[in-house]
N, C-alpha and C. Protein backbone atom coordinates (compact mmCIF):
# COMPACT_ATOMS: atom_id res chain seq x y z
N UNK A 1 -4.65 3.92 2.03
CA UNK A 1 -3.57 3.39 1.22
C UNK A 1 -2.71 4.55 0.73
N UNK A 2 -1.43 4.40 0.88
CA UNK A 2 -0.50 5.41 0.38
C UNK A 2 0.17 4.85 -0.86
N UNK A 3 0.03 5.56 -1.95
CA UNK A 3 0.63 5.07 -3.18
C UNK A 3 1.93 5.80 -3.52
N UNK A 4 2.24 6.80 -2.74
CA UNK A 4 3.44 7.59 -3.00
C UNK A 4 4.39 7.41 -1.82
N UNK A 5 5.60 6.93 -2.07
CA UNK A 5 6.53 6.70 -0.97
C UNK A 5 7.04 7.99 -0.35
N UNK A 6 6.75 9.13 -0.95
CA UNK A 6 7.15 10.41 -0.40
C UNK A 6 6.04 11.06 0.41
N UNK A 7 4.99 10.32 0.74
CA UNK A 7 3.88 10.87 1.49
C UNK A 7 4.28 11.08 2.95
N UNK A 8 3.68 12.06 3.56
CA UNK A 8 3.92 12.37 4.96
C UNK A 8 2.71 11.92 5.75
N UNK A 9 2.94 11.14 6.78
CA UNK A 9 1.87 10.61 7.60
C UNK A 9 2.07 11.12 9.01
N UNK A 10 1.06 11.78 9.56
CA UNK A 10 1.15 12.31 10.91
C UNK A 10 0.28 11.45 11.82
N UNK A 11 0.91 10.92 12.88
CA UNK A 11 0.22 10.04 13.81
C UNK A 11 0.45 10.55 15.23
N UNK A 12 -0.62 10.57 16.01
CA UNK A 12 -0.46 10.96 17.41
C UNK A 12 0.27 9.86 18.15
N UNK A 13 1.06 10.24 19.13
CA UNK A 13 1.82 9.27 19.92
C UNK A 13 0.89 8.28 20.61
N UNK A 14 -0.26 8.74 21.07
CA UNK A 14 -1.20 7.85 21.75
C UNK A 14 -1.76 6.79 20.79
N UNK A 15 -2.00 7.18 19.54
CA UNK A 15 -2.48 6.22 18.55
C UNK A 15 -1.41 5.18 18.23
N UNK A 16 -0.18 5.63 18.12
CA UNK A 16 0.93 4.72 17.84
C UNK A 16 1.12 3.74 19.00
N UNK A 17 1.00 4.24 20.24
CA UNK A 17 1.13 3.37 21.41
C UNK A 17 0.00 2.35 21.45
N UNK A 18 -1.21 2.78 21.12
CA UNK A 18 -2.36 1.87 21.09
C UNK A 18 -2.14 0.76 20.04
N UNK A 19 -1.62 1.14 18.89
CA UNK A 19 -1.33 0.17 17.84
C UNK A 19 -0.26 -0.83 18.29
N UNK A 20 0.80 -0.32 18.91
CA UNK A 20 1.88 -1.18 19.40
C UNK A 20 1.35 -2.15 20.46
N UNK A 21 0.50 -1.68 21.36
CA UNK A 21 -0.10 -2.54 22.39
C UNK A 21 -0.95 -3.63 21.75
N UNK A 22 -1.71 -3.27 20.74
CA UNK A 22 -2.57 -4.22 20.03
C UNK A 22 -1.74 -5.32 19.38
N UNK A 23 -0.69 -4.96 18.70
CA UNK A 23 0.18 -5.93 18.03
C UNK A 23 0.88 -6.81 19.06
N UNK A 24 1.34 -6.22 20.15
CA UNK A 24 2.01 -6.98 21.20
C UNK A 24 1.08 -8.03 21.80
N UNK A 25 -0.16 -7.67 22.05
CA UNK A 25 -1.14 -8.62 22.59
C UNK A 25 -1.37 -9.77 21.62
N UNK A 26 -1.45 -9.46 20.33
CA UNK A 26 -1.66 -10.50 19.33
C UNK A 26 -0.47 -11.47 19.30
N UNK A 27 0.73 -10.93 19.31
CA UNK A 27 1.92 -11.77 19.26
C UNK A 27 2.00 -12.66 20.49
N UNK A 28 1.77 -12.08 21.67
CA UNK A 28 1.86 -12.86 22.91
C UNK A 28 0.78 -13.93 23.02
N UNK A 29 -0.38 -13.68 22.41
CA UNK A 29 -1.46 -14.67 22.48
C UNK A 29 -1.37 -15.69 21.34
N UNK A 30 -0.41 -15.53 20.45
CA UNK A 30 -0.23 -16.48 19.36
C UNK A 30 -1.12 -16.22 18.16
N UNK A 31 -1.82 -15.10 18.14
CA UNK A 31 -2.67 -14.77 17.00
C UNK A 31 -1.82 -14.28 15.84
N UNK A 32 -2.27 -14.54 14.61
CA UNK A 32 -1.49 -14.08 13.46
C UNK A 32 -1.49 -12.56 13.35
N UNK A 33 -0.35 -12.04 12.96
CA UNK A 33 -0.20 -10.59 12.76
C UNK A 33 0.08 -10.37 11.29
N UNK A 34 -0.66 -9.47 10.64
CA UNK A 34 -0.40 -9.22 9.21
C UNK A 34 1.04 -8.79 8.99
N UNK A 35 1.68 -9.40 8.01
CA UNK A 35 3.06 -9.08 7.70
C UNK A 35 3.17 -7.76 6.95
N UNK A 36 2.24 -7.54 6.04
CA UNK A 36 2.27 -6.32 5.24
C UNK A 36 0.86 -5.80 5.05
N UNK A 37 0.73 -4.51 5.12
CA UNK A 37 -0.54 -3.88 4.82
C UNK A 37 -0.39 -3.34 3.41
N UNK A 38 -0.98 -4.09 2.48
CA UNK A 38 -0.70 -3.81 1.08
C UNK A 38 -1.87 -4.31 0.24
N UNK A 39 -2.33 -3.51 -0.67
CA UNK A 39 -3.43 -3.92 -1.54
C UNK A 39 -2.95 -4.43 -2.89
N UNK A 40 -1.64 -4.54 -3.05
CA UNK A 40 -1.10 -5.03 -4.31
C UNK A 40 -1.25 -6.55 -4.38
N UNK A 41 -1.56 -7.08 -5.54
CA UNK A 41 -1.68 -8.54 -5.65
C UNK A 41 -0.31 -9.21 -5.47
N UNK A 42 -0.35 -10.44 -4.96
CA UNK A 42 0.89 -11.19 -4.77
C UNK A 42 1.51 -11.55 -6.11
N UNK A 43 2.81 -11.52 -6.16
CA UNK A 43 3.50 -11.98 -7.36
C UNK A 43 3.57 -13.50 -7.29
N UNK A 44 3.04 -14.19 -8.29
CA UNK A 44 3.06 -15.65 -8.26
C UNK A 44 4.48 -16.19 -8.39
N UNK A 45 4.69 -17.38 -7.80
CA UNK A 45 5.99 -18.04 -7.86
C UNK A 45 5.92 -19.21 -8.82
N UNK A 46 6.98 -19.39 -9.56
CA UNK A 46 7.07 -20.56 -10.43
C UNK A 46 7.31 -21.80 -9.56
N UNK A 47 7.25 -22.95 -10.17
CA UNK A 47 7.47 -24.19 -9.43
C UNK A 47 8.89 -24.24 -8.85
N UNK A 48 9.87 -23.83 -9.63
CA UNK A 48 11.25 -23.81 -9.14
C UNK A 48 11.43 -22.83 -7.99
N UNK A 49 10.81 -21.65 -8.09
CA UNK A 49 10.89 -20.67 -7.00
C UNK A 49 10.21 -21.22 -5.74
N UNK A 50 9.08 -21.90 -5.92
CA UNK A 50 8.36 -22.47 -4.78
C UNK A 50 9.19 -23.54 -4.07
N UNK A 51 9.90 -24.36 -4.83
CA UNK A 51 10.76 -25.40 -4.25
C UNK A 51 11.84 -24.74 -3.39
N UNK A 52 12.47 -23.70 -3.89
CA UNK A 52 13.51 -22.99 -3.13
C UNK A 52 12.92 -22.29 -1.92
N UNK A 53 11.77 -21.68 -2.10
CA UNK A 53 11.09 -20.94 -1.03
C UNK A 53 10.74 -21.86 0.14
N UNK A 54 10.21 -23.05 -0.18
CA UNK A 54 9.78 -23.99 0.85
C UNK A 54 10.94 -24.79 1.45
N UNK A 55 12.01 -24.94 0.68
CA UNK A 55 13.11 -25.77 1.13
C UNK A 55 12.75 -27.25 1.09
N UNK A 56 11.82 -27.59 0.21
CA UNK A 56 11.37 -28.97 0.02
C UNK A 56 11.75 -29.41 -1.38
N UNK A 57 11.60 -30.71 -1.63
CA UNK A 57 11.91 -31.22 -2.96
C UNK A 57 10.76 -30.93 -3.93
N UNK A 58 11.08 -31.02 -5.19
CA UNK A 58 10.05 -30.83 -6.23
C UNK A 58 8.96 -31.89 -6.09
N UNK A 59 9.38 -33.10 -5.76
CA UNK A 59 8.42 -34.19 -5.59
C UNK A 59 7.45 -33.91 -4.44
N UNK A 60 7.94 -33.33 -3.34
CA UNK A 60 7.07 -32.96 -2.22
C UNK A 60 6.05 -31.93 -2.67
N UNK A 61 6.49 -30.97 -3.44
CA UNK A 61 5.59 -29.94 -3.96
C UNK A 61 4.50 -30.58 -4.82
N UNK A 62 4.87 -31.50 -5.66
CA UNK A 62 3.91 -32.19 -6.52
C UNK A 62 2.93 -33.00 -5.68
N UNK A 63 3.43 -33.72 -4.65
CA UNK A 63 2.55 -34.50 -3.77
C UNK A 63 1.56 -33.59 -3.05
N UNK A 64 2.04 -32.46 -2.55
CA UNK A 64 1.16 -31.53 -1.83
C UNK A 64 0.08 -31.00 -2.76
N UNK A 65 0.44 -30.75 -4.02
CA UNK A 65 -0.56 -30.29 -4.99
C UNK A 65 -1.63 -31.36 -5.20
N UNK A 66 -1.21 -32.60 -5.39
CA UNK A 66 -2.14 -33.69 -5.65
C UNK A 66 -3.04 -33.96 -4.46
N UNK A 67 -2.52 -33.80 -3.25
CA UNK A 67 -3.30 -34.03 -2.03
C UNK A 67 -4.18 -32.84 -1.66
N UNK A 68 -4.01 -31.73 -2.36
CA UNK A 68 -4.81 -30.55 -2.07
C UNK A 68 -4.29 -29.72 -0.91
N UNK A 69 -3.07 -29.98 -0.49
CA UNK A 69 -2.47 -29.22 0.61
C UNK A 69 -2.16 -27.80 0.16
N UNK A 70 -1.72 -27.67 -1.08
CA UNK A 70 -1.48 -26.35 -1.66
C UNK A 70 -2.24 -26.25 -2.97
N UNK A 71 -2.61 -25.03 -3.29
CA UNK A 71 -3.33 -24.77 -4.52
C UNK A 71 -2.34 -24.24 -5.55
N UNK A 72 -2.51 -24.69 -6.77
CA UNK A 72 -1.65 -24.20 -7.84
C UNK A 72 -2.51 -23.52 -8.90
N UNK A 73 -1.88 -22.71 -9.68
CA UNK A 73 -2.55 -21.96 -10.74
C UNK A 73 -1.80 -22.19 -12.03
N UNK A 74 -2.53 -22.42 -13.09
CA UNK A 74 -1.91 -22.65 -14.40
C UNK A 74 -2.08 -21.40 -15.26
N UNK A 75 -1.00 -21.07 -15.93
CA UNK A 75 -1.02 -19.94 -16.85
C UNK A 75 -0.08 -20.28 -17.99
N UNK A 76 -0.63 -20.41 -19.19
CA UNK A 76 0.19 -20.70 -20.36
C UNK A 76 0.94 -22.02 -20.25
N UNK A 77 0.33 -23.02 -19.63
CA UNK A 77 0.96 -24.32 -19.52
C UNK A 77 1.97 -24.43 -18.38
N UNK A 78 2.14 -23.36 -17.62
CA UNK A 78 3.08 -23.37 -16.50
C UNK A 78 2.30 -23.34 -15.18
N UNK A 79 2.92 -23.83 -14.12
CA UNK A 79 2.30 -23.89 -12.81
C UNK A 79 2.88 -22.80 -11.92
N UNK A 80 2.00 -22.08 -11.23
CA UNK A 80 2.41 -21.02 -10.32
C UNK A 80 1.73 -21.19 -8.96
N UNK A 81 2.32 -20.56 -7.95
CA UNK A 81 1.82 -20.64 -6.59
C UNK A 81 1.81 -19.25 -5.96
N UNK A 82 0.90 -19.06 -4.99
CA UNK A 82 0.88 -17.81 -4.22
C UNK A 82 1.76 -18.02 -2.99
N UNK A 83 2.68 -17.10 -2.72
CA UNK A 83 3.56 -17.24 -1.55
C UNK A 83 2.81 -17.39 -0.24
N UNK A 84 1.72 -16.66 -0.05
CA UNK A 84 0.97 -16.75 1.21
C UNK A 84 0.38 -18.14 1.40
N UNK A 85 -0.06 -18.77 0.32
CA UNK A 85 -0.62 -20.12 0.41
C UNK A 85 0.49 -21.14 0.69
N UNK A 86 1.68 -20.90 0.15
CA UNK A 86 2.81 -21.78 0.42
C UNK A 86 3.20 -21.70 1.90
N UNK A 87 3.20 -20.50 2.46
CA UNK A 87 3.54 -20.33 3.87
C UNK A 87 2.54 -21.07 4.76
N UNK A 88 1.25 -20.96 4.45
CA UNK A 88 0.23 -21.65 5.21
C UNK A 88 0.44 -23.16 5.17
N UNK A 89 0.74 -23.69 4.00
CA UNK A 89 0.97 -25.13 3.84
C UNK A 89 2.19 -25.56 4.64
N UNK A 90 3.21 -24.72 4.65
CA UNK A 90 4.43 -25.04 5.38
C UNK A 90 4.16 -25.07 6.88
N UNK A 91 3.34 -24.17 7.38
CA UNK A 91 2.99 -24.14 8.80
C UNK A 91 2.22 -25.38 9.20
N UNK A 92 1.36 -25.85 8.31
CA UNK A 92 0.51 -27.01 8.62
C UNK A 92 1.27 -28.33 8.51
N UNK A 93 2.30 -28.36 7.69
CA UNK A 93 3.01 -29.62 7.47
C UNK A 93 4.39 -29.52 8.05
C-alpha cells in the first residue's frame, strides 16, 4: 500500500506485461476486475445520493431495501448505502 502520492514505484517491464495479460484474460472471460486497489473504507451514500447514483426512483430504492436486494445502514436516524453494494444490486436487477 502506498500512502504517499509522491512515492516512486519501480516495476520491471516483464512484470507489467504479465499483469496486463492477467487483466486482459479476466476481461475477455467475463470475470470481474477490481476497479480500485485501495484499503480505504467506502464513503457511504445518503438515500438521495443513492437514488441519483442508481438512476432509479426513491420508491424503487425503498422496495429493494425491503426485499433484501440491497443492504442499508442506519446512522443517527439516517439511511446510508455502500456504493459497491448498490452496483452489485444494479447488475442483478
